Amino acid sequence: MTIVWGGKSGLSGGTRVRGPYPLTPSVKQSDVGDVNGDGHADIVVEGWLADSAGHGKGSGLALLYGPFDRTNGNPASSAFYPTQNKDGILPGPVTMGDVNHDGRADVVVRGSTAAVEGRPAKETIALFLGSRTGLAHAGQPFGEVSANDVAIGDLNGDGYGDFVAGMAGTDRVPGGLGGTVTVAYGGPQGVSTTRGSRRITQDAPGVPGTGEASDRFGSDVAVGDTDGDGYADIAIGVDGETGTDTTATKQAGTVTILRGSAGGVTTVGALNFTQDSAGVPDRSQRWDHFGEAVSLIDGNRDGKADLVVGAYRDNNYTGRAWVLKGTPGGITGAGSISFTGAAFGAPKGTDWYGAAISG
């Protein structure tokens, strides 16, 4: 894991992050946020703890507290939260955001329950709240289910971060043919005790499209305020969606935008974008997988997040990314741009450009 340092002239140089022995971070998806509220960004990643002989003592979350030394990559301090031994959870990729409105980053983990006698392991999504002294397990917002991705943002403007999980497989949630996006709301204890969760499929009223087995509705999800109304919206990758020409556009992919509101996520005014949408460069072709990766980023700081979309199989796995602008009316294809890795000096070839986007 390496930090590439930012500055007035952009990114420059990099330093490998080191977790002091015996803490060993893994290479799975990590995230950055201020867990202990000291004003410095911290890194949280799945890891394991070993004794002096190198024998493992269980999986957990490695907490690497900032600031980080630019010369040797050492964090100011580090800690280990033993999720396997303490909570019976084997952690995986992490997502961070403030769900209980205390000014500290909380951690959502996609992982599994540890197998015990008479009970097999099951995939799950677990929440750990940040505090001055570290992390504390606060439940499972969606229960024992798996997800392709989890995003956090304030959908209803109440100050609490809400949970959005994309579950693209047909077997992830009963009744979710082609994929399901599930929303759970945040509250003072982490998960709201007054608002229930909501499941949304392509067959919900107002959502573009129809649920089909290969659609992968929820292949990736992102949260951000696309229209500047103070409510975060949801971008949903549907990278297996086929267009009206089932021969030429088989699994070309699409992206759906659902709006936030005072009542939470709504399907009213939902938007849908493909490479054939007005103003969007390029065109839909078989197996492009437009929407495999999505992100909502306010790159120009105008208060409206822009949509970034990746299609890693575009042009025979060369890959491509698009940026669609956020406006007072929401995301629009007008004025959008696209680019490949060649724009940044990457060699031409099978690049899988757009397979993952951070935001």
Protein backbone atom coordinates (compact mmCIF):
# COMPACT_ATOMS: atom_id res chain seq x y z
CA MET A 1 0.00 0.00 0.00
CA THR A 2 1.48 3.34 -1.11
CA ILE A 3 0.58 6.97 -0.49
CA VAL A 4 1.13 9.30 -3.45
CA TRP A 5 1.48 12.78 -1.99
CA GLY A 6 -0.66 15.69 -3.15
CA GLY A 7 0.50 19.28 -3.43
CA LYS A 8 -0.04 22.62 -5.19
CA SER A 9 1.24 21.13 -8.44
CA GLY A 10 -0.73 17.91 -8.15
CA LEU A 11 0.49 14.43 -7.27
CA SER A 12 4.19 13.72 -6.86
CA GLY A 13 6.31 11.03 -5.26
CA GLY A 14 5.10 8.11 -3.23
CA THR A 15 5.90 6.38 0.03
CA ARG A 16 5.09 2.83 0.99
CA VAL A 17 2.90 2.70 4.10
CA ARG A 18 4.29 0.54 6.87
CA GLY A 19 2.34 -0.98 9.72
CA PRO A 20 4.74 -1.48 12.64
CA TYR A 21 5.35 -5.12 13.54
CA PRO A 22 3.44 -7.25 14.40
CA LEU A 23 0.60 -5.53 12.50
CA THR A 24 0.35 -6.73 8.89
CA PRO A 25 -2.22 -5.06 6.60
CA SER A 26 -3.52 -7.09 3.66
CA VAL A 27 -3.85 -5.80 0.10
CA LYS A 28 -7.65 -5.73 -0.06
CA GLN A 29 -9.60 -2.52 -0.55
CA SER A 30 -8.78 0.07 2.11
CA ASP A 31 -10.31 3.48 2.78
CA VAL A 32 -9.31 6.78 4.35
CA GLY A 33 -11.07 8.86 7.03
CA ASP A 34 -10.57 10.43 10.42
CA VAL A 35 -11.54 7.56 12.73
CA ASN A 36 -10.47 9.17 16.02
CA GLY A 37 -11.47 12.76 15.21
CA ASP A 38 -8.01 14.30 15.67
CA GLY A 39 -8.07 16.13 12.35
CA HIS A 40 -5.69 13.74 10.57
CA ALA A 41 -6.71 11.21 7.93
CA ASP A 42 -6.32 7.57 8.96
CA ILE A 43 -6.18 4.38 6.89
CA VAL A 44 -8.27 1.32 7.75
CA VAL A 45 -7.62 -1.98 5.99
CA GLU A 46 -8.19 -5.66 6.61
CA GLY A 47 -5.18 -7.18 8.33
CA TRP A 48 -3.96 -9.88 10.68
CA LEU A 49 -1.93 -9.99 13.85
CA ALA A 50 0.97 -12.34 14.40
CA ASP A 51 3.15 -13.17 17.37
CA SER A 52 6.94 -12.92 17.35
CA ALA A 53 7.18 -16.35 15.71
CA GLY A 54 4.88 -15.26 12.88
CA HIS A 55 1.90 -17.35 13.99
CA GLY A 56 -1.41 -15.75 13.10
CA LYS A 57 -3.74 -14.61 15.88
CA GLY A 58 -6.81 -13.91 13.81
CA SER A 59 -8.08 -11.46 11.22
CA GLY A 60 -9.26 -7.96 11.97
CA LEU A 61 -9.00 -4.33 10.98
CA ALA A 62 -5.64 -2.58 10.91
CA LEU A 63 -5.92 1.08 11.94
CA LEU A 64 -3.05 3.22 10.73
CA TYR A 65 -3.39 6.68 12.28
CA GLY A 66 -2.19 9.83 10.53
CA PRO A 67 -0.23 11.91 10.02
CA PHE A 68 2.13 9.68 8.02
CA ASP A 69 5.87 10.21 7.72
CA ARG A 70 6.70 11.17 4.14
CA THR A 71 10.16 9.62 4.40
CA ASN A 72 9.55 6.17 5.83
CA GLY A 73 5.75 5.79 5.52
CA ASN A 74 5.23 5.13 9.19
CA PRO A 75 1.87 6.20 10.70
CA ALA A 76 1.80 8.33 13.85
CA SER A 77 0.52 5.20 15.61
CA SER A 78 -1.31 2.01 14.80
CA ALA A 79 -3.80 -0.36 16.35
CA PHE A 80 -5.51 -3.64 15.59
CA TYR A 81 -9.18 -4.43 16.14
CA PRO A 82 -9.64 -8.25 16.30
CA THR A 83 -12.96 -8.64 14.52
CA GLN A 84 -12.58 -12.41 14.16
CA ASN A 85 -11.97 -13.14 17.83
CA LYS A 86 -14.12 -10.35 19.27
CA ASP A 87 -17.13 -10.26 16.94
CA GLY A 88 -16.90 -13.47 14.90
CA ILE A 89 -16.41 -11.52 11.65
CA LEU A 90 -13.77 -12.13 9.00
CA PRO A 91 -13.30 -8.70 7.39
CA GLY A 92 -12.87 -7.82 3.74
CA PRO A 93 -13.03 -4.54 1.77
CA VAL A 94 -13.89 -1.44 3.83
CA THR A 95 -15.86 1.76 3.18
CA MET A 96 -15.74 4.79 5.49
CA GLY A 97 -18.14 7.62 6.28
CA ASP A 98 -19.78 9.35 9.25
CA VAL A 99 -23.08 7.53 9.88
CA ASN A 100 -23.81 8.72 13.46
CA HIS A 101 -22.97 12.41 12.94
CA ASP A 102 -20.24 12.64 15.58
CA GLY A 103 -17.53 14.03 13.29
CA ARG A 104 -15.60 10.76 13.18
CA ALA A 105 -15.36 8.29 10.32
CA ASP A 106 -17.14 4.98 10.77
CA VAL A 107 -16.25 1.77 8.95
CA VAL A 108 -18.47 -0.57 6.94
CA VAL A 109 -16.90 -3.94 6.20
CA ARG A 110 -17.91 -6.46 3.55
CA GLY A 111 -16.86 -9.81 4.99
CA SER A 112 -18.22 -13.02 6.44
CA THR A 113 -19.15 -14.50 9.77
CA ALA A 114 -16.59 -16.93 11.13
CA ALA A 115 -17.60 -20.59 10.87
CA VAL A 116 -18.29 -22.28 14.20
CA GLU A 117 -19.43 -25.79 15.01
CA GLY A 118 -22.91 -26.32 13.66
CA ARG A 119 -23.01 -22.99 11.86
CA PRO A 120 -21.33 -22.39 8.49
CA ALA A 121 -19.76 -19.07 7.54
CA LYS A 122 -22.09 -16.57 5.85
CA GLU A 123 -21.32 -13.38 3.99
CA THR A 124 -22.27 -10.21 5.84
CA ILE A 125 -21.88 -6.43 5.99
CA ALA A 126 -20.79 -5.11 9.38
CA LEU A 127 -20.59 -1.62 10.89
CA PHE A 128 -17.88 -0.39 13.25
CA LEU A 129 -18.19 3.09 14.77
CA GLY A 130 -15.15 5.34 15.07
CA SER A 131 -14.24 6.92 18.41
CA ARG A 132 -11.37 8.68 20.16
CA THR A 133 -10.05 5.27 21.22
CA GLY A 134 -10.67 3.26 18.07
CA LEU A 135 -13.54 1.15 16.72
CA ALA A 136 -16.61 -0.50 18.22
CA HIS A 137 -18.87 -3.08 16.54
CA ALA A 138 -22.35 -1.63 16.00
CA GLY A 139 -24.26 -4.29 14.14
CA GLN A 140 -25.00 -5.39 10.59
CA PRO A 141 -27.02 -2.83 8.58
CA PHE A 142 -28.21 -5.38 6.02
CA GLY A 143 -27.88 -8.65 7.92
CA GLU A 144 -26.15 -11.70 6.50
CA VAL A 145 -25.96 -10.79 2.82
CA SER A 146 -23.17 -10.06 0.37
CA ALA A 147 -22.69 -6.97 -1.76
CA ASN A 148 -20.63 -5.91 -4.75
CA ASP A 149 -20.10 -2.48 -3.24
CA VAL A 150 -21.20 -0.24 -0.36
CA ALA A 151 -21.36 3.57 -0.35
CA ILE A 152 -22.21 6.06 2.40
CA GLY A 153 -23.90 9.46 2.09
CA ASP A 154 -26.71 11.57 3.54
CA LEU A 155 -29.72 10.82 1.34
CA ASN A 156 -32.35 12.61 3.43
CA GLY A 157 -30.38 15.60 4.72
CA ASP A 158 -30.67 14.74 8.42
CA GLY A 159 -26.92 14.84 9.06
CA TYR A 160 -26.50 11.07 9.36
CA GLY A 161 -24.70 9.09 6.68
CA ASP A 162 -26.90 6.45 5.07
CA PHE A 163 -25.83 3.04 3.74
CA VAL A 164 -26.25 1.98 0.12
CA ALA A 165 -25.40 -1.59 -0.92
CA GLY A 166 -25.30 -2.83 -4.50
CA MET A 167 -26.19 -6.52 -4.76
CA ALA A 168 -25.84 -7.36 -8.45
CA GLY A 169 -26.21 -11.15 -8.32
CA THR A 170 -29.61 -12.73 -8.82
CA ASP A 171 -29.12 -14.80 -5.66
CA ARG A 172 -28.06 -11.94 -3.35
CA VAL A 173 -31.56 -10.89 -2.21
CA PRO A 174 -34.78 -12.89 -2.77
CA GLY A 175 -36.95 -11.31 -5.43
CA GLY A 176 -34.14 -9.21 -6.88
CA LEU A 177 -33.91 -10.65 -10.38
CA GLY A 178 -31.01 -8.92 -12.10
CA GLY A 179 -29.81 -7.23 -8.94
CA THR A 180 -30.95 -5.14 -5.99
CA VAL A 181 -29.86 -1.91 -4.33
CA THR A 182 -30.64 -1.78 -0.62
CA VAL A 183 -30.68 1.42 1.45
CA ALA A 184 -30.40 1.52 5.25
CA TYR A 185 -30.51 4.83 7.10
CA GLY A 186 -27.99 6.11 9.63
CA GLY A 187 -28.77 7.38 13.13
CA PRO A 188 -27.23 8.24 16.52
CA GLN A 189 -26.39 4.57 17.22
CA GLY A 190 -25.14 3.92 13.70
CA VAL A 191 -28.10 2.23 12.01
CA SER A 192 -31.37 4.13 12.43
CA THR A 193 -33.78 2.63 14.96
CA THR A 194 -36.73 4.59 13.58
CA ARG A 195 -36.43 4.08 9.81
CA GLY A 196 -36.47 0.73 8.07
CA SER A 197 -34.36 -0.25 5.09
CA ARG A 198 -35.61 -0.19 1.51
CA ARG A 199 -34.89 -2.54 -1.39
CA ILE A 200 -35.00 -1.21 -4.94
CA THR A 201 -34.91 -3.22 -8.17
CA GLN A 202 -35.36 -2.30 -11.81
CA ASP A 203 -38.97 -3.43 -11.48
CA ALA A 204 -39.76 -0.75 -8.88
CA PRO A 205 -42.10 2.00 -10.15
CA GLY A 206 -40.11 4.83 -11.72
CA VAL A 207 -36.86 2.91 -12.17
CA PRO A 208 -35.80 2.63 -15.83
CA GLY A 209 -35.53 -0.87 -17.29
CA THR A 210 -36.83 -4.30 -16.35
CA GLY A 211 -35.08 -6.78 -14.10
CA GLU A 212 -33.38 -9.57 -16.07
CA ALA A 213 -30.98 -12.22 -14.83
CA SER A 214 -27.82 -10.80 -16.44
CA ASP A 215 -28.43 -7.07 -15.82
CA ARG A 216 -26.23 -6.74 -12.69
CA PHE A 217 -28.21 -3.83 -11.25
CA GLY A 218 -25.92 -2.66 -8.45
CA SER A 219 -22.63 -3.82 -9.95
CA ASP A 220 -21.22 -0.65 -8.37
CA VAL A 221 -22.79 2.18 -6.37
CA ALA A 222 -21.80 5.74 -5.48
CA VAL A 223 -23.41 8.52 -3.45
CA GLY A 224 -23.19 12.30 -3.99
CA ASP A 225 -25.34 15.41 -4.45
CA THR A 226 -25.68 15.73 -8.23
CA ASP A 227 -28.07 18.69 -8.31
CA GLY A 228 -26.98 20.79 -5.31
CA ASP A 229 -30.27 20.45 -3.42
CA GLY A 230 -28.62 19.26 -0.19
CA TYR A 231 -29.66 15.61 -0.57
CA ALA A 232 -27.20 12.97 -1.75
CA ASP A 233 -28.22 10.96 -4.82
CA ILE A 234 -27.29 7.41 -5.82
CA ALA A 235 -25.48 6.31 -9.00
CA ILE A 236 -26.08 2.64 -9.79
CA GLY A 237 -24.01 0.66 -12.24
CA VAL A 238 -26.01 -1.79 -14.36
CA ASP A 239 -23.11 -3.09 -16.39
CA GLY A 240 -24.90 -6.17 -17.78
CA GLU A 241 -27.88 -4.27 -19.21
CA THR A 242 -28.65 -4.93 -22.88
CA GLY A 243 -30.01 -2.18 -25.12
CA THR A 244 -32.98 -2.33 -27.46
CA ASP A 245 -30.79 -3.91 -30.16
CA THR A 246 -30.09 -7.17 -28.34
CA THR A 247 -27.54 -8.27 -30.93
CA ALA A 248 -25.39 -5.14 -31.10
CA THR A 249 -25.72 -4.02 -27.47
CA LYS A 250 -25.72 -7.25 -25.45
CA GLN A 251 -24.45 -6.34 -21.96
CA ALA A 252 -23.33 -2.92 -23.17
CA GLY A 253 -24.31 -1.51 -19.78
CA THR A 254 -26.07 1.50 -18.33
CA VAL A 255 -26.07 3.74 -15.24
CA THR A 256 -29.17 4.69 -13.25
CA ILE A 257 -29.41 7.79 -11.02
CA LEU A 258 -31.87 7.83 -8.09
CA ARG A 259 -32.45 11.09 -6.24
CA GLY A 260 -32.32 11.76 -2.53
CA SER A 261 -35.05 13.77 -0.78
CA ALA A 262 -36.30 14.72 2.67
CA GLY A 263 -38.03 11.35 2.73
CA GLY A 264 -34.90 9.48 1.67
CA VAL A 265 -34.17 7.83 -1.67
CA THR A 266 -36.93 8.20 -4.24
CA THR A 267 -37.48 6.65 -7.65
CA VAL A 268 -39.36 9.75 -8.82
CA GLY A 269 -37.33 11.52 -11.49
CA ALA A 270 -34.87 8.64 -11.92
CA LEU A 271 -32.41 9.06 -14.79
CA ASN A 272 -30.71 6.53 -17.03
CA PHE A 273 -27.57 6.90 -19.14
CA THR A 274 -25.86 4.76 -21.76
CA GLN A 275 -23.20 5.49 -24.36
CA ASP A 276 -26.08 6.24 -26.73
CA SER A 277 -27.58 8.96 -24.50
CA ALA A 278 -27.61 12.48 -25.96
CA GLY A 279 -24.23 14.16 -25.58
CA VAL A 280 -22.38 11.06 -24.33
CA PRO A 281 -19.32 10.23 -26.48
CA ASP A 282 -18.80 6.85 -28.15
CA ARG A 283 -21.61 4.31 -28.65
CA SER A 284 -22.92 1.19 -26.98
CA GLN A 285 -21.39 -2.06 -28.18
CA ARG A 286 -21.56 -5.69 -27.11
CA TRP A 287 -19.84 -6.49 -23.82
CA ASP A 288 -18.67 -2.92 -23.05
CA HIS A 289 -19.96 -3.15 -19.46
CA PHE A 290 -20.59 0.60 -19.13
CA GLY A 291 -21.27 1.05 -15.41
CA GLU A 292 -18.88 -1.61 -14.11
CA ALA A 293 -17.46 1.25 -12.00
CA VAL A 294 -19.20 4.49 -10.98
CA SER A 295 -18.29 7.44 -8.80
CA LEU A 296 -19.82 10.82 -7.94
CA ILE A 297 -17.17 13.53 -7.55
CA ASP A 298 -17.51 17.31 -7.31
CA GLY A 299 -14.34 17.91 -9.28
CA ASN A 300 -14.89 21.62 -9.97
CA ARG A 301 -16.30 22.43 -6.50
CA ASP A 302 -19.53 23.92 -7.81
CA GLY A 303 -21.61 22.04 -5.23
CA LYS A 304 -22.86 19.44 -7.71
CA ALA A 305 -21.21 16.04 -8.06
CA ASP A 306 -20.30 14.84 -11.55
CA LEU A 307 -20.76 11.23 -12.62
CA VAL A 308 -17.65 9.25 -13.55
CA VAL A 309 -18.30 5.94 -15.33
CA GLY A 310 -15.94 3.15 -16.31
CA ALA A 311 -16.39 0.49 -19.01
CA TYR A 312 -13.40 -1.81 -18.71
CA ARG A 313 -14.25 -3.97 -21.75
CA ASP A 314 -14.74 -1.08 -24.17
CA ASN A 315 -12.77 -1.55 -27.39
CA ASN A 316 -11.62 -5.11 -26.70
CA TYR A 317 -10.57 -4.56 -23.07
CA THR A 318 -8.74 -1.29 -23.72
CA GLY A 319 -11.31 0.33 -21.46
CA ARG A 320 -12.71 3.86 -21.25
CA ALA A 321 -13.98 6.35 -18.67
CA TRP A 322 -16.59 9.10 -18.98
CA VAL A 323 -17.40 12.23 -16.99
CA LEU A 324 -21.01 13.48 -17.09
CA LYS A 325 -21.70 16.84 -15.48
CA GLY A 326 -23.87 17.55 -12.45
CA THR A 327 -26.29 20.44 -12.91
CA PRO A 328 -29.25 21.98 -11.02
CA GLY A 329 -31.39 19.48 -12.94
CA GLY A 330 -29.15 16.55 -12.07
CA ILE A 331 -26.70 14.61 -14.23
CA THR A 332 -26.71 15.44 -17.94
CA GLY A 333 -24.97 13.97 -20.97
CA ALA A 334 -24.53 17.43 -22.48
CA GLY A 335 -20.89 18.48 -22.46
CA SER A 336 -19.69 15.09 -21.19
CA ILE A 337 -16.23 13.79 -22.07
CA SER A 338 -14.55 10.40 -22.35
CA PHE A 339 -10.95 9.24 -22.34
CA THR A 340 -8.75 6.16 -22.19
CA GLY A 341 -5.47 5.50 -20.46
CA ALA A 342 -3.64 6.76 -23.53
CA ALA A 343 -4.62 10.30 -22.54
CA PHE A 344 -2.29 9.94 -19.56
CA GLY A 345 0.58 8.21 -21.33
CA ALA A 346 -0.48 4.63 -20.68
CA PRO A 347 0.73 2.17 -23.33
CA LYS A 348 -1.89 0.98 -25.79
CA GLY A 349 -3.15 -2.54 -25.16
CA THR A 350 -5.45 -4.58 -22.97
CA ASP A 351 -5.59 -2.05 -20.15
CA TRP A 352 -8.96 -2.74 -18.44
CA TYR A 353 -9.10 1.04 -18.04
CA GLY A 354 -12.20 2.00 -16.04
CA ALA A 355 -12.44 -1.27 -14.12
CA ALA A 356 -12.26 0.67 -10.84
CA ILE A 357 -12.82 4.33 -9.94
CA SER A 358 -12.12 6.00 -6.61
CA GLY A 359 -13.92 9.08 -5.40
